[in-house]
Amino acid sequence: MAITLYGIPNCDTVKKARNWLEQENIAYQFHDFRKDGLESAQVEQWIDELGWETLVNKRSTSWKALDDNQRKSMDAKSALAAILESPTLIKRPLLDNGKSRNVGFKAADYEQILKT
């Protein structure tokens, strides 16, 4: 199974996920949102699968940087545009194990997702 971890390298939660994967000897590819970019179709698939409310980190500085109107009127379509403009709106990390996508990091969740 090909595993991709999406995020930004300086995010503490991404660092924890990467450390866990390495300690468990689980091979993965790291995709840096900022450096490697994101494809519209890919983000659209994530929104369809997870819902924009799950995908968007409403506690991030990127979310807080949006104006009130953008935050109040956010829907799947506007979330797609906002994420493409500012990928750090995505809750990090995003783990893609080839079968499902999950956001955030909890060791117990990763254990269940990747070792079953």
PDB file of N, CA and C in Angstrom:
ATOM      1  N   MET A   1       0.845  -1.173   0.000  1.00  0.00           N
ATOM      2  CA  MET A   1       0.000   0.000   0.000  1.00  0.00           C
ATOM      3  C   MET A   1       0.890   1.236   0.000  1.00  0.00           C
ATOM      4  N   ALA A   2       0.651   2.144  -0.929  1.00  0.00           N
ATOM      5  CA  ALA A   2       1.410   3.390  -1.020  1.00  0.00           C
ATOM      6  C   ALA A   2       0.785   4.418  -0.081  1.00  0.00           C
ATOM      7  N   ILE A   3       1.594   4.958   0.806  1.00  0.00           N
ATOM      8  CA  ILE A   3       1.117   5.916   1.798  1.00  0.00           C
ATOM      9  C   ILE A   3       1.714   7.279   1.494  1.00  0.00           C
ATOM     10  N   THR A   4       0.843   8.283   1.491  1.00  0.00           N
ATOM     11  CA  THR A   4       1.302   9.660   1.318  1.00  0.00           C
ATOM     12  C   THR A   4       0.815  10.463   2.511  1.00  0.00           C
ATOM     13  N   LEU A   5       1.712  11.240   3.084  1.00  0.00           N
ATOM     14  CA  LEU A   5       1.383  12.136   4.180  1.00  0.00           C
ATOM     15  C   LEU A   5       1.495  13.556   3.637  1.00  0.00           C
ATOM     16  N   TYR A   6       0.392  14.293   3.694  1.00  0.00           N
ATOM     17  CA  TYR A   6       0.344  15.664   3.194  1.00  0.00           C
ATOM     18  C   TYR A   6       0.421  16.631   4.371  1.00  0.00           C
ATOM     19  N   GLY A   7       1.152  17.705   4.190  1.00  0.00           N
ATOM     20  CA  GLY A   7       1.245  18.712   5.233  1.00  0.00           C
ATOM     21  C   GLY A   7       2.345  19.704   4.917  1.00  0.00           C
ATOM     22  N   ILE A   8       2.812  20.358   5.977  1.00  0.00           N
ATOM     23  CA  ILE A   8       3.948  21.266   5.864  1.00  0.00           C
ATOM     24  C   ILE A   8       4.983  20.815   6.897  1.00  0.00           C
ATOM     25  N   PRO A   9       6.254  20.874   6.550  1.00  0.00           N
ATOM     26  CA  PRO A   9       7.276  20.273   7.408  1.00  0.00           C
ATOM     27  C   PRO A   9       7.437  20.909   8.785  1.00  0.00           C
ATOM     28  N   ASN A  10       7.086  22.173   8.950  1.00  0.00           N
ATOM     29  CA  ASN A  10       7.294  22.824  10.243  1.00  0.00           C
ATOM     30  C   ASN A  10       6.098  22.716  11.184  1.00  0.00           C
ATOM     31  N   CYS A  11       5.050  22.012  10.794  1.00  0.00           N
ATOM     32  CA  CYS A  11       3.868  21.823  11.637  1.00  0.00           C
ATOM     33  C   CYS A  11       4.168  20.755  12.692  1.00  0.00           C
ATOM     34  N   ASP A  12       3.926  21.062  13.961  1.00  0.00           N
ATOM     35  CA  ASP A  12       4.221  20.125  15.041  1.00  0.00           C
ATOM     36  C   ASP A  12       3.461  18.811  14.902  1.00  0.00           C
ATOM     37  N   THR A  13       2.213  18.868  14.493  1.00  0.00           N
ATOM     38  CA  THR A  13       1.420  17.648  14.357  1.00  0.00           C
ATOM     39  C   THR A  13       1.941  16.797  13.201  1.00  0.00           C
ATOM     40  N   VAL A  14       2.351  17.437  12.134  1.00  0.00           N
ATOM     41  CA  VAL A  14       2.948  16.715  11.006  1.00  0.00           C
ATOM     42  C   VAL A  14       4.247  16.049  11.461  1.00  0.00           C
ATOM     43  N   LYS A  15       5.044  16.760  12.248  1.00  0.00           N
ATOM     44  CA  LYS A  15       6.288  16.192  12.770  1.00  0.00           C
ATOM     45  C   LYS A  15       6.004  14.952  13.610  1.00  0.00           C
ATOM     46  N   LYS A  16       4.979  15.014  14.457  1.00  0.00           N
ATOM     47  CA  LYS A  16       4.616  13.863  15.287  1.00  0.00           C
ATOM     48  C   LYS A  16       4.218  12.675  14.415  1.00  0.00           C
ATOM     49  N   ALA A  17       3.414  12.933  13.382  1.00  0.00           N
ATOM     50  CA  ALA A  17       2.980  11.855  12.483  1.00  0.00           C
ATOM     51  C   ALA A  17       4.172  11.249  11.755  1.00  0.00           C
ATOM     52  N   ARG A  18       5.056  12.091  11.264  1.00  0.00           N
ATOM     53  CA  ARG A  18       6.234  11.595  10.549  1.00  0.00           C
ATOM     54  C   ARG A  18       7.124  10.762  11.474  1.00  0.00           C
ATOM     55  N   ASN A  19       7.316  11.248  12.696  1.00  0.00           N
ATOM     56  CA  ASN A  19       8.122  10.499  13.666  1.00  0.00           C
ATOM     57  C   ASN A  19       7.491   9.141  13.954  1.00  0.00           C
ATOM     58  N   TRP A  20       6.168   9.117  14.130  1.00  0.00           N
ATOM     59  CA  TRP A  20       5.474   7.860  14.410  1.00  0.00           C
ATOM     60  C   TRP A  20       5.658   6.885  13.249  1.00  0.00           C
ATOM     61  N   LEU A  21       5.449   7.364  12.029  1.00  0.00           N
ATOM     62  CA  LEU A  21       5.608   6.500  10.854  1.00  0.00           C
ATOM     63  C   LEU A  21       7.025   5.933  10.776  1.00  0.00           C
ATOM     64  N   GLU A  22       8.013   6.769  11.047  1.00  0.00           N
ATOM     65  CA  GLU A  22       9.405   6.327  10.984  1.00  0.00           C
ATOM     66  C   GLU A  22       9.720   5.329  12.102  1.00  0.00           C
ATOM     67  N   GLN A  23       9.215   5.574  13.311  1.00  0.00           N
ATOM     68  CA  GLN A  23       9.440   4.650  14.425  1.00  0.00           C
ATOM     69  C   GLN A  23       8.796   3.291  14.169  1.00  0.00           C
ATOM     70  N   GLU A  24       7.686   3.294  13.458  1.00  0.00           N
ATOM     71  CA  GLU A  24       6.974   2.056  13.150  1.00  0.00           C
ATOM     72  C   GLU A  24       7.489   1.402  11.858  1.00  0.00           C
ATOM     73  N   ASN A  25       8.513   1.998  11.264  1.00  0.00           N
ATOM     74  CA  ASN A  25       9.094   1.503  10.012  1.00  0.00           C
ATOM     75  C   ASN A  25       8.061   1.375   8.899  1.00  0.00           C
ATOM     76  N   ILE A  26       7.215   2.383   8.799  1.00  0.00           N
ATOM     77  CA  ILE A  26       6.192   2.413   7.756  1.00  0.00           C
ATOM     78  C   ILE A  26       6.668   3.374   6.669  1.00  0.00           C
ATOM     79  N   ALA A  27       6.854   2.847   5.474  1.00  0.00           N
ATOM     80  CA  ALA A  27       7.315   3.666   4.351  1.00  0.00           C
ATOM     81  C   ALA A  27       6.193   4.601   3.915  1.00  0.00           C
ATOM     82  N   TYR A  28       6.558   5.825   3.632  1.00  0.00           N
ATOM     83  CA  TYR A  28       5.587   6.818   3.178  1.00  0.00           C
ATOM     84  C   TYR A  28       6.295   7.870   2.349  1.00  0.00           C
ATOM     85  N   GLN A  29       5.491   8.586   1.590  1.00  0.00           N
ATOM     86  CA  GLN A  29       5.996   9.722   0.830  1.00  0.00           C
ATOM     87  C   GLN A  29       5.428  10.977   1.482  1.00  0.00           C
ATOM     88  N   PHE A  30       6.266  11.983   1.692  1.00  0.00           N
ATOM     89  CA  PHE A  30       5.793  13.247   2.254  1.00  0.00           C
ATOM     90  C   PHE A  30       5.530  14.228   1.121  1.00  0.00           C
ATOM     91  N   HIS A  31       4.354  14.855   1.150  1.00  0.00           N
ATOM     92  CA  HIS A  31       3.969  15.837   0.144  1.00  0.00           C
ATOM     93  C   HIS A  31       3.773  17.177   0.854  1.00  0.00           C
ATOM     94  N   ASP A  32       4.651  18.109   0.578  1.00  0.00           N
ATOM     95  CA  ASP A  32       4.598  19.445   1.175  1.00  0.00           C
ATOM     96  C   ASP A  32       3.605  20.296   0.379  1.00  0.00           C
ATOM     97  N   PHE A  33       2.508  20.701   1.044  1.00  0.00           N
ATOM     98  CA  PHE A  33       1.479  21.518   0.382  1.00  0.00           C
ATOM     99  C   PHE A  33       2.073  22.724  -0.322  1.00  0.00           C
ATOM    100  N   ARG A  34       2.948  23.422   0.376  1.00  0.00           N
ATOM    101  CA  ARG A  34       3.490  24.668  -0.167  1.00  0.00           C
ATOM    102  C   ARG A  34       4.455  24.416  -1.314  1.00  0.00           C
ATOM    103  N   LYS A  35       5.391  23.498  -1.113  1.00  0.00           N
ATOM    104  CA  LYS A  35       6.440  23.261  -2.106  1.00  0.00           C
ATOM    105  C   LYS A  35       5.923  22.458  -3.299  1.00  0.00           C
ATOM    106  N   ASP A  36       5.156  21.399  -3.023  1.00  0.00           N
ATOM    107  CA  ASP A  36       4.713  20.493  -4.079  1.00  0.00           C
ATOM    108  C   ASP A  36       3.367  20.860  -4.681  1.00  0.00           C
ATOM    109  N   GLY A  37       2.634  21.760  -4.023  1.00  0.00           N
ATOM    110  CA  GLY A  37       1.341  22.213  -4.537  1.00  0.00           C
ATOM    111  C   GLY A  37       0.242  21.169  -4.392  1.00  0.00           C
ATOM    112  N   LEU A  38      -0.944  21.549  -4.824  1.00  0.00           N
ATOM    113  CA  LEU A  38      -2.116  20.675  -4.790  1.00  0.00           C
ATOM    114  C   LEU A  38      -2.878  20.803  -6.100  1.00  0.00           C
ATOM    115  N   GLU A  39      -3.462  19.708  -6.534  1.00  0.00           N
ATOM    116  CA  GLU A  39      -4.286  19.707  -7.733  1.00  0.00           C
ATOM    117  C   GLU A  39      -5.747  19.916  -7.346  1.00  0.00           C
ATOM    118  N   SER A  40      -6.449  20.679  -8.136  1.00  0.00           N
ATOM    119  CA  SER A  40      -7.856  20.961  -7.884  1.00  0.00           C
ATOM    120  C   SER A  40      -8.685  19.682  -7.754  1.00  0.00           C
ATOM    121  N   ALA A  41      -8.478  18.735  -8.668  1.00  0.00           N
ATOM    122  CA  ALA A  41      -9.254  17.493  -8.651  1.00  0.00           C
ATOM    123  C   ALA A  41      -8.996  16.706  -7.370  1.00  0.00           C
ATOM    124  N   GLN A  42      -7.767  16.750  -6.896  1.00  0.00           N
ATOM    125  CA  GLN A  42      -7.409  16.033  -5.679  1.00  0.00           C
ATOM    126  C   GLN A  42      -8.129  16.636  -4.470  1.00  0.00           C
ATOM    127  N   VAL A  43      -8.094  17.951  -4.351  1.00  0.00           N
ATOM    128  CA  VAL A  43      -8.751  18.633  -3.233  1.00  0.00           C
ATOM    129  C   VAL A  43     -10.266  18.413  -3.312  1.00  0.00           C
ATOM    130  N   GLU A  44     -10.803  18.452  -4.515  1.00  0.00           N
ATOM    131  CA  GLU A  44     -12.233  18.210  -4.706  1.00  0.00           C
ATOM    132  C   GLU A  44     -12.606  16.804  -4.218  1.00  0.00           C
ATOM    133  N   GLN A  45     -11.766  15.820  -4.510  1.00  0.00           N
ATOM    134  CA  GLN A  45     -12.011  14.450  -4.050  1.00  0.00           C
ATOM    135  C   GLN A  45     -11.988  14.392  -2.517  1.00  0.00           C
ATOM    136  N   TRP A  46     -11.026  15.075  -1.897  1.00  0.00           N
ATOM    137  CA  TRP A  46     -10.944  15.098  -0.438  1.00  0.00           C
ATOM    138  C   TRP A  46     -12.201  15.727   0.160  1.00  0.00           C
ATOM    139  N   ILE A  47     -12.669  16.812  -0.442  1.00  0.00           N
ATOM    140  CA  ILE A  47     -13.882  17.479   0.047  1.00  0.00           C
ATOM    141  C   ILE A  47     -15.077  16.547  -0.090  1.00  0.00           C
ATOM    142  N   ASP A  48     -15.185  15.863  -1.235  1.00  0.00           N
ATOM    143  CA  ASP A  48     -16.285  14.917  -1.446  1.00  0.00           C
ATOM    144  C   ASP A  48     -16.243  13.793  -0.417  1.00  0.00           C
ATOM    145  N   GLU A  49     -15.059  13.285  -0.150  1.00  0.00           N
ATOM    146  CA  GLU A  49     -14.915  12.143   0.750  1.00  0.00           C
ATOM    147  C   GLU A  49     -15.039  12.521   2.225  1.00  0.00           C
ATOM    148  N   LEU A  50     -14.370  13.594   2.621  1.00  0.00           N
ATOM    149  CA  LEU A  50     -14.301  13.965   4.029  1.00  0.00           C
ATOM    150  C   LEU A  50     -15.296  15.041   4.440  1.00  0.00           C
ATOM    151  N   GLY A  51     -15.732  15.846   3.470  1.00  0.00           N
ATOM    152  CA  GLY A  51     -16.550  17.020   3.776  1.00  0.00           C
ATOM    153  C   GLY A  51     -15.638  18.209   4.042  1.00  0.00           C
ATOM    154  N   TRP A  52     -16.012  19.365   3.550  1.00  0.00           N
ATOM    155  CA  TRP A  52     -15.135  20.525   3.713  1.00  0.00           C
ATOM    156  C   TRP A  52     -14.981  20.895   5.193  1.00  0.00           C
ATOM    157  N   GLU A  53     -16.026  20.618   5.996  1.00  0.00           N
ATOM    158  CA  GLU A  53     -15.983  20.966   7.419  1.00  0.00           C
ATOM    159  C   GLU A  53     -14.896  20.171   8.144  1.00  0.00           C
ATOM    160  N   THR A  54     -14.646  18.946   7.709  1.00  0.00           N
ATOM    161  CA  THR A  54     -13.597  18.116   8.300  1.00  0.00           C
ATOM    162  C   THR A  54     -12.234  18.507   7.746  1.00  0.00           C
ATOM    163  N   LEU A  55     -12.177  18.802   6.472  1.00  0.00           N
ATOM    164  CA  LEU A  55     -10.913  19.100   5.808  1.00  0.00           C
ATOM    165  C   LEU A  55     -10.321  20.443   6.223  1.00  0.00           C
ATOM    166  N   VAL A  56     -11.167  21.430   6.454  1.00  0.00           N
ATOM    167  CA  VAL A  56     -10.693  22.783   6.785  1.00  0.00           C
ATOM    168  C   VAL A  56     -10.448  22.895   8.292  1.00  0.00           C
ATOM    169  N   ASN A  57      -9.271  23.391   8.641  1.00  0.00           N
ATOM    170  CA  ASN A  57      -8.905  23.592  10.041  1.00  0.00           C
ATOM    171  C   ASN A  57      -9.366  24.980  10.480  1.00  0.00           C
ATOM    172  N   LYS A  58     -10.463  25.011  11.215  1.00  0.00           N
ATOM    173  CA  LYS A  58     -11.029  26.291  11.644  1.00  0.00           C
ATOM    174  C   LYS A  58     -10.281  26.912  12.820  1.00  0.00           C
ATOM    175  N   ARG A  59      -9.233  26.245  13.308  1.00  0.00           N
ATOM    176  CA  ARG A  59      -8.412  26.826  14.370  1.00  0.00           C
ATOM    177  C   ARG A  59      -7.096  27.377  13.821  1.00  0.00           C
ATOM    178  N   SER A  60      -6.905  27.258  12.508  1.00  0.00           N
ATOM    179  CA  SER A  60      -5.631  27.681  11.907  1.00  0.00           C
ATOM    180  C   SER A  60      -5.581  29.198  11.725  1.00  0.00           C
ATOM    181  N   THR A  61      -4.364  29.703  11.618  1.00  0.00           N
ATOM    182  CA  THR A  61      -4.197  31.131  11.344  1.00  0.00           C
ATOM    183  C   THR A  61      -4.696  31.455   9.936  1.00  0.00           C
ATOM    184  N   SER A  62      -4.630  30.469   9.029  1.00  0.00           N
ATOM    185  CA  SER A  62      -5.140  30.690   7.668  1.00  0.00           C
ATOM    186  C   SER A  62      -6.648  30.924   7.693  1.00  0.00           C
ATOM    187  N   TRP A  63      -7.364  30.165   8.522  1.00  0.00           N
ATOM    188  CA  TRP A  63      -8.816  30.338   8.658  1.00  0.00           C
ATOM    189  C   TRP A  63      -9.118  31.711   9.255  1.00  0.00           C
ATOM    190  N   LYS A  64      -8.379  32.057  10.285  1.00  0.00           N
ATOM    191  CA  LYS A  64      -8.593  33.338  10.967  1.00  0.00           C
ATOM    192  C   LYS A  64      -8.256  34.519  10.071  1.00  0.00           C
ATOM    193  N   ALA A  65      -7.394  34.290   9.069  1.00  0.00           N
ATOM    194  CA  ALA A  65      -7.011  35.354   8.139  1.00  0.00           C
ATOM    195  C   ALA A  65      -8.113  35.645   7.117  1.00  0.00           C
ATOM    196  N   LEU A  66      -9.042  34.698   6.929  1.00  0.00           N
ATOM    197  CA  LEU A  66     -10.155  34.941   6.008  1.00  0.00           C
ATOM    198  C   LEU A  66     -11.084  36.001   6.604  1.00  0.00           C
ATOM    199  N   ASP A  67     -11.735  36.767   5.747  1.00  0.00           N
ATOM    200  CA  ASP A  67     -12.655  37.756   6.297  1.00  0.00           C
ATOM    201  C   ASP A  67     -13.929  37.052   6.795  1.00  0.00           C
ATOM    202  N   ASP A  68     -14.665  37.747   7.648  1.00  0.00           N
ATOM    203  CA  ASP A  68     -15.866  37.163   8.267  1.00  0.00           C
ATOM    204  C   ASP A  68     -16.837  36.609   7.237  1.00  0.00           C
ATOM    205  N   ASN A  69     -17.025  37.335   6.148  1.00  0.00           N
ATOM    206  CA  ASN A  69     -17.964  36.903   5.118  1.00  0.00           C
ATOM    207  C   ASN A  69     -17.532  35.579   4.497  1.00  0.00           C
ATOM    208  N   GLN A  70     -16.233  35.431   4.237  1.00  0.00           N
ATOM    209  CA  GLN A  70     -15.724  34.179   3.671  1.00  0.00           C
ATOM    210  C   GLN A  70     -15.965  33.016   4.624  1.00  0.00           C
ATOM    211  N   ARG A  71     -15.702  33.236   5.903  1.00  0.00           N
ATOM    212  CA  ARG A  71     -15.888  32.168   6.884  1.00  0.00           C
ATOM    213  C   ARG A  71     -17.366  31.806   7.027  1.00  0.00           C
ATOM    214  N   LYS A  72     -18.235  32.807   7.082  1.00  0.00           N
ATOM    215  CA  LYS A  72     -19.674  32.548   7.287  1.00  0.00           C
ATOM    216  C   LYS A  72     -20.338  31.908   6.075  1.00  0.00           C
ATOM    217  N   SER A  73     -19.850  32.210   4.878  1.00  0.00           N
ATOM    218  CA  SER A  73     -20.493  31.695   3.669  1.00  0.00           C
ATOM    219  C   SER A  73     -19.761  30.488   3.070  1.00  0.00           C
ATOM    220  N   MET A  74     -18.813  29.939   3.802  1.00  0.00           N
ATOM    221  CA  MET A  74     -18.010  28.809   3.293  1.00  0.00           C
ATOM    222  C   MET A  74     -18.916  27.622   2.983  1.00  0.00           C
ATOM    223  N   ASP A  75     -18.686  27.046   1.809  1.00  0.00           N
ATOM    224  CA  ASP A  75     -19.346  25.806   1.406  1.00  0.00           C
ATOM    225  C   ASP A  75     -18.303  25.001   0.629  1.00  0.00           C
ATOM    226  N   ALA A  76     -18.701  23.868   0.077  1.00  0.00           N
ATOM    227  CA  ALA A  76     -17.731  22.996  -0.602  1.00  0.00           C
ATOM    228  C   ALA A  76     -17.020  23.722  -1.740  1.00  0.00           C
ATOM    229  N   LYS A  77     -17.761  24.491  -2.523  1.00  0.00           N
ATOM    230  CA  LYS A  77     -17.171  25.177  -3.675  1.00  0.00           C
ATOM    231  C   LYS A  77     -16.189  26.267  -3.241  1.00  0.00           C
ATOM    232  N   SER A  78     -16.603  27.077  -2.268  1.00  0.00           N
ATOM    233  CA  SER A  78     -15.708  28.147  -1.818  1.00  0.00           C
ATOM    234  C   SER A  78     -14.533  27.580  -1.006  1.00  0.00           C
ATOM    235  N   ALA A  79     -14.747  26.447  -0.340  1.00  0.00           N
ATOM    236  CA  ALA A  79     -13.647  25.809   0.386  1.00  0.00           C
ATOM    237  C   ALA A  79     -12.578  25.336  -0.594  1.00  0.00           C
ATOM    238  N   LEU A  80     -13.002  24.775  -1.722  1.00  0.00           N
ATOM    239  CA  LEU A  80     -12.061  24.335  -2.749  1.00  0.00           C
ATOM    240  C   LEU A  80     -11.194  25.503  -3.204  1.00  0.00           C
ATOM    241  N   ALA A  81     -11.825  26.615  -3.533  1.00  0.00           N
ATOM    242  CA  ALA A  81     -11.078  27.797  -3.996  1.00  0.00           C
ATOM    243  C   ALA A  81     -10.149  28.318  -2.903  1.00  0.00           C
ATOM    244  N   ALA A  82     -10.637  28.361  -1.682  1.00  0.00           N
ATOM    245  CA  ALA A  82      -9.826  28.873  -0.568  1.00  0.00           C
ATOM    246  C   ALA A  82      -8.617  27.975  -0.293  1.00  0.00           C
ATOM    247  N   ILE A  83      -8.819  26.657  -0.346  1.00  0.00           N
ATOM    248  CA  ILE A  83      -7.725  25.714  -0.105  1.00  0.00           C
ATOM    249  C   ILE A  83      -6.675  25.812  -1.203  1.00  0.00           C
ATOM    250  N   LEU A  84      -7.117  25.939  -2.446  1.00  0.00           N
ATOM    251  CA  LEU A  84      -6.154  26.056  -3.547  1.00  0.00           C
ATOM    252  C   LEU A  84      -5.339  27.345  -3.424  1.00  0.00           C
ATOM    253  N   GLU A  85      -5.969  28.380  -2.915  1.00  0.00           N
ATOM    254  CA  GLU A  85      -5.268  29.650  -2.723  1.00  0.00           C
ATOM    255  C   GLU A  85      -4.357  29.590  -1.488  1.00  0.00           C
ATOM    256  N   SER A  86      -4.824  28.902  -0.446  1.00  0.00           N
ATOM    257  CA  SER A  86      -4.069  28.813   0.799  1.00  0.00           C
ATOM    258  C   SER A  86      -4.133  27.379   1.340  1.00  0.00           C
ATOM    259  N   PRO A  87      -3.250  26.508   0.861  1.00  0.00           N
ATOM    260  CA  PRO A  87      -3.295  25.095   1.251  1.00  0.00           C
ATOM    261  C   PRO A  87      -3.189  24.842   2.755  1.00  0.00           C
ATOM    262  N   THR A  88      -2.640  25.802   3.495  1.00  0.00           N
ATOM    263  CA  THR A  88      -2.511  25.606   4.936  1.00  0.00           C
ATOM    264  C   THR A  88      -3.864  25.668   5.654  1.00  0.00           C
ATOM    265  N   LEU A  89      -4.935  25.894   4.918  1.00  0.00           N
ATOM    266  CA  LEU A  89      -6.285  25.783   5.498  1.00  0.00           C
ATOM    267  C   LEU A  89      -6.628  24.329   5.824  1.00  0.00           C
ATOM    268  N   ILE A  90      -5.934  23.389   5.188  1.00  0.00           N
ATOM    269  CA  ILE A  90      -6.226  21.974   5.404  1.00  0.00           C
ATOM    270  C   ILE A  90      -5.748  21.554   6.787  1.00  0.00           C
ATOM    271  N   LYS A  91      -6.602  20.823   7.484  1.00  0.00           N
ATOM    272  CA  LYS A  91      -6.230  20.252   8.776  1.00  0.00           C
ATOM    273  C   LYS A  91      -5.096  19.263   8.539  1.00  0.00           C
ATOM    274  N   ARG A  92      -4.035  19.411   9.318  1.00  0.00           N
ATOM    275  CA  ARG A  92      -2.834  18.620   9.072  1.00  0.00           C
ATOM    276  C   ARG A  92      -2.592  17.611  10.182  1.00  0.00           C
ATOM    277  N   PRO A  93      -1.879  16.559   9.787  1.00  0.00           N
ATOM    278  CA  PRO A  93      -1.578  16.113   8.435  1.00  0.00           C
ATOM    279  C   PRO A  93      -2.769  15.412   7.805  1.00  0.00           C
ATOM    280  N   LEU A  94      -2.701  15.232   6.504  1.00  0.00           N
ATOM    281  CA  LEU A  94      -3.691  14.434   5.793  1.00  0.00           C
ATOM    282  C   LEU A  94      -2.975  13.159   5.367  1.00  0.00           C
ATOM    283  N   LEU A  95      -3.474  12.031   5.840  1.00  0.00           N
ATOM    284  CA  LEU A  95      -2.886  10.728   5.541  1.00  0.00           C
ATOM    285  C   LEU A  95      -3.712  10.043   4.476  1.00  0.00           C
ATOM    286  N   ASP A  96      -3.057   9.627   3.410  1.00  0.00           N
ATOM    287  CA  ASP A  96      -3.716   8.886   2.329  1.00  0.00           C
ATOM    288  C   ASP A  96      -3.035   7.520   2.247  1.00  0.00           C
ATOM    289  N   ASN A  97      -3.778   6.469   2.612  1.00  0.00           N
ATOM    290  CA  ASN A  97      -3.189   5.127   2.573  1.00  0.00           C
ATOM    291  C   ASN A  97      -3.586   4.364   1.311  1.00  0.00           C
ATOM    292  N   GLY A  98      -4.161   5.070   0.349  1.00  0.00           N
ATOM    293  CA  GLY A  98      -4.564   4.436  -0.904  1.00  0.00           C
ATOM    294  C   GLY A  98      -6.010   3.956  -0.883  1.00  0.00           C
ATOM    295  N   LYS A  99      -6.552   3.760   0.317  1.00  0.00           N
ATOM    296  CA  LYS A  99      -7.947   3.326   0.459  1.00  0.00           C
ATOM    297  C   LYS A  99      -8.824   4.398   1.078  1.00  0.00           C
ATOM    298  N   SER A 100      -8.234   5.169   1.982  1.00  0.00           N
ATOM    299  CA  SER A 100      -8.998   6.211   2.666  1.00  0.00           C
ATOM    300  C   SER A 100      -8.092   7.379   3.012  1.00  0.00           C
ATOM    301  N   ARG A 101      -8.697   8.494   3.333  1.00  0.00           N
ATOM    302  CA  ARG A 101      -7.992   9.685   3.735  1.00  0.00           C
ATOM    303  C   ARG A 101      -8.440  10.042   5.151  1.00  0.00           C
ATOM    304  N   ASN A 102      -7.487  10.492   5.969  1.00  0.00           N
ATOM    305  CA  ASN A 102      -7.773  10.880   7.343  1.00  0.00           C
ATOM    306  C   ASN A 102      -6.990  12.142   7.656  1.00  0.00           C
ATOM    307  N   VAL A 103      -7.588  13.030   8.454  1.00  0.00           N
ATOM    308  CA  VAL A 103      -6.904  14.261   8.843  1.00  0.00           C
ATOM    309  C   VAL A 103      -6.581  14.239  10.328  1.00  0.00           C
ATOM    310  N   GLY A 104      -5.523  14.961  10.679  1.00  0.00           N
ATOM    311  CA  GLY A 104      -5.077  15.008  12.067  1.00  0.00           C
ATOM    312  C   GLY A 104      -4.178  13.823  12.373  1.00  0.00           C
ATOM    313  N   PHE A 105      -3.658  13.791  13.593  1.00  0.00           N
ATOM    314  CA  PHE A 105      -2.806  12.669  13.990  1.00  0.00           C
ATOM    315  C   PHE A 105      -3.114  12.240  15.409  1.00  0.00           C
ATOM    316  N   LYS A 106      -3.407  10.972  15.544  1.00  0.00           N
ATOM    317  CA  LYS A 106      -3.473  10.289  16.835  1.00  0.00           C
ATOM    318  C   LYS A 106      -2.840   8.933  16.592  1.00  0.00           C
ATOM    319  N   ALA A 107      -1.853   8.586  17.417  1.00  0.00           N
ATOM    320  CA  ALA A 107      -1.122   7.328  17.230  1.00  0.00           C
ATOM    321  C   ALA A 107      -2.079   6.138  17.175  1.00  0.00           C
ATOM    322  N   ALA A 108      -3.076   6.114  18.039  1.00  0.00           N
ATOM    323  CA  ALA A 108      -4.024   4.986  18.063  1.00  0.00           C
ATOM    324  C   ALA A 108      -4.784   4.874  16.746  1.00  0.00           C
ATOM    325  N   ASP A 109      -5.145   6.021  16.163  1.00  0.00           N
ATOM    326  CA  ASP A 109      -5.852   6.010  14.874  1.00  0.00           C
ATOM    327  C   ASP A 109      -4.938   5.492  13.769  1.00  0.00           C
ATOM    328  N   TYR A 110      -3.700   5.976  13.742  1.00  0.00           N
ATOM    329  CA  TYR A 110      -2.755   5.521  12.732  1.00  0.00           C
ATOM    330  C   TYR A 110      -2.496   4.025  12.872  1.00  0.00           C
ATOM    331  N   GLU A 111      -2.406   3.569  14.109  1.00  0.00           N
ATOM    332  CA  GLU A 111      -2.201   2.140  14.378  1.00  0.00           C
ATOM    333  C   GLU A 111      -3.327   1.334  13.741  1.00  0.00           C
ATOM    334  N   GLN A 112      -4.546   1.772  13.936  1.00  0.00           N
ATOM    335  CA  GLN A 112      -5.700   1.064  13.390  1.00  0.00           C
ATOM    336  C   GLN A 112      -5.747   1.156  11.870  1.00  0.00           C
ATOM    337  N   ILE A 113      -5.495   2.330  11.327  1.00  0.00           N
ATOM    338  CA  ILE A 113      -5.587   2.552   9.879  1.00  0.00           C
ATOM    339  C   ILE A 113      -4.498   1.790   9.127  1.00  0.00           C
ATOM    340  N   LEU A 114      -3.291   1.791   9.658  1.00  0.00           N
ATOM    341  CA  LEU A 114      -2.144   1.286   8.909  1.00  0.00           C
ATOM    342  C   LEU A 114      -1.698  -0.121   9.269  1.00  0.00           C
ATOM    343  N   LYS A 115      -2.171  -0.644  10.365  1.00  0.00           N
ATOM    344  CA  LYS A 115      -1.693  -1.963  10.782  1.00  0.00           C
ATOM    345  C   LYS A 115      -2.774  -3.024  10.760  1.00  0.00           C
ATOM    346  N   THR A 116      -3.909  -2.733  10.151  1.00  0.00           N
ATOM    347  CA  THR A 116      -4.968  -3.751  10.061  1.00  0.00           C
ATOM    348  C   THR A 116      -5.070  -4.275   8.662  1.00  0.00           C
TER     349      THR A 116
END
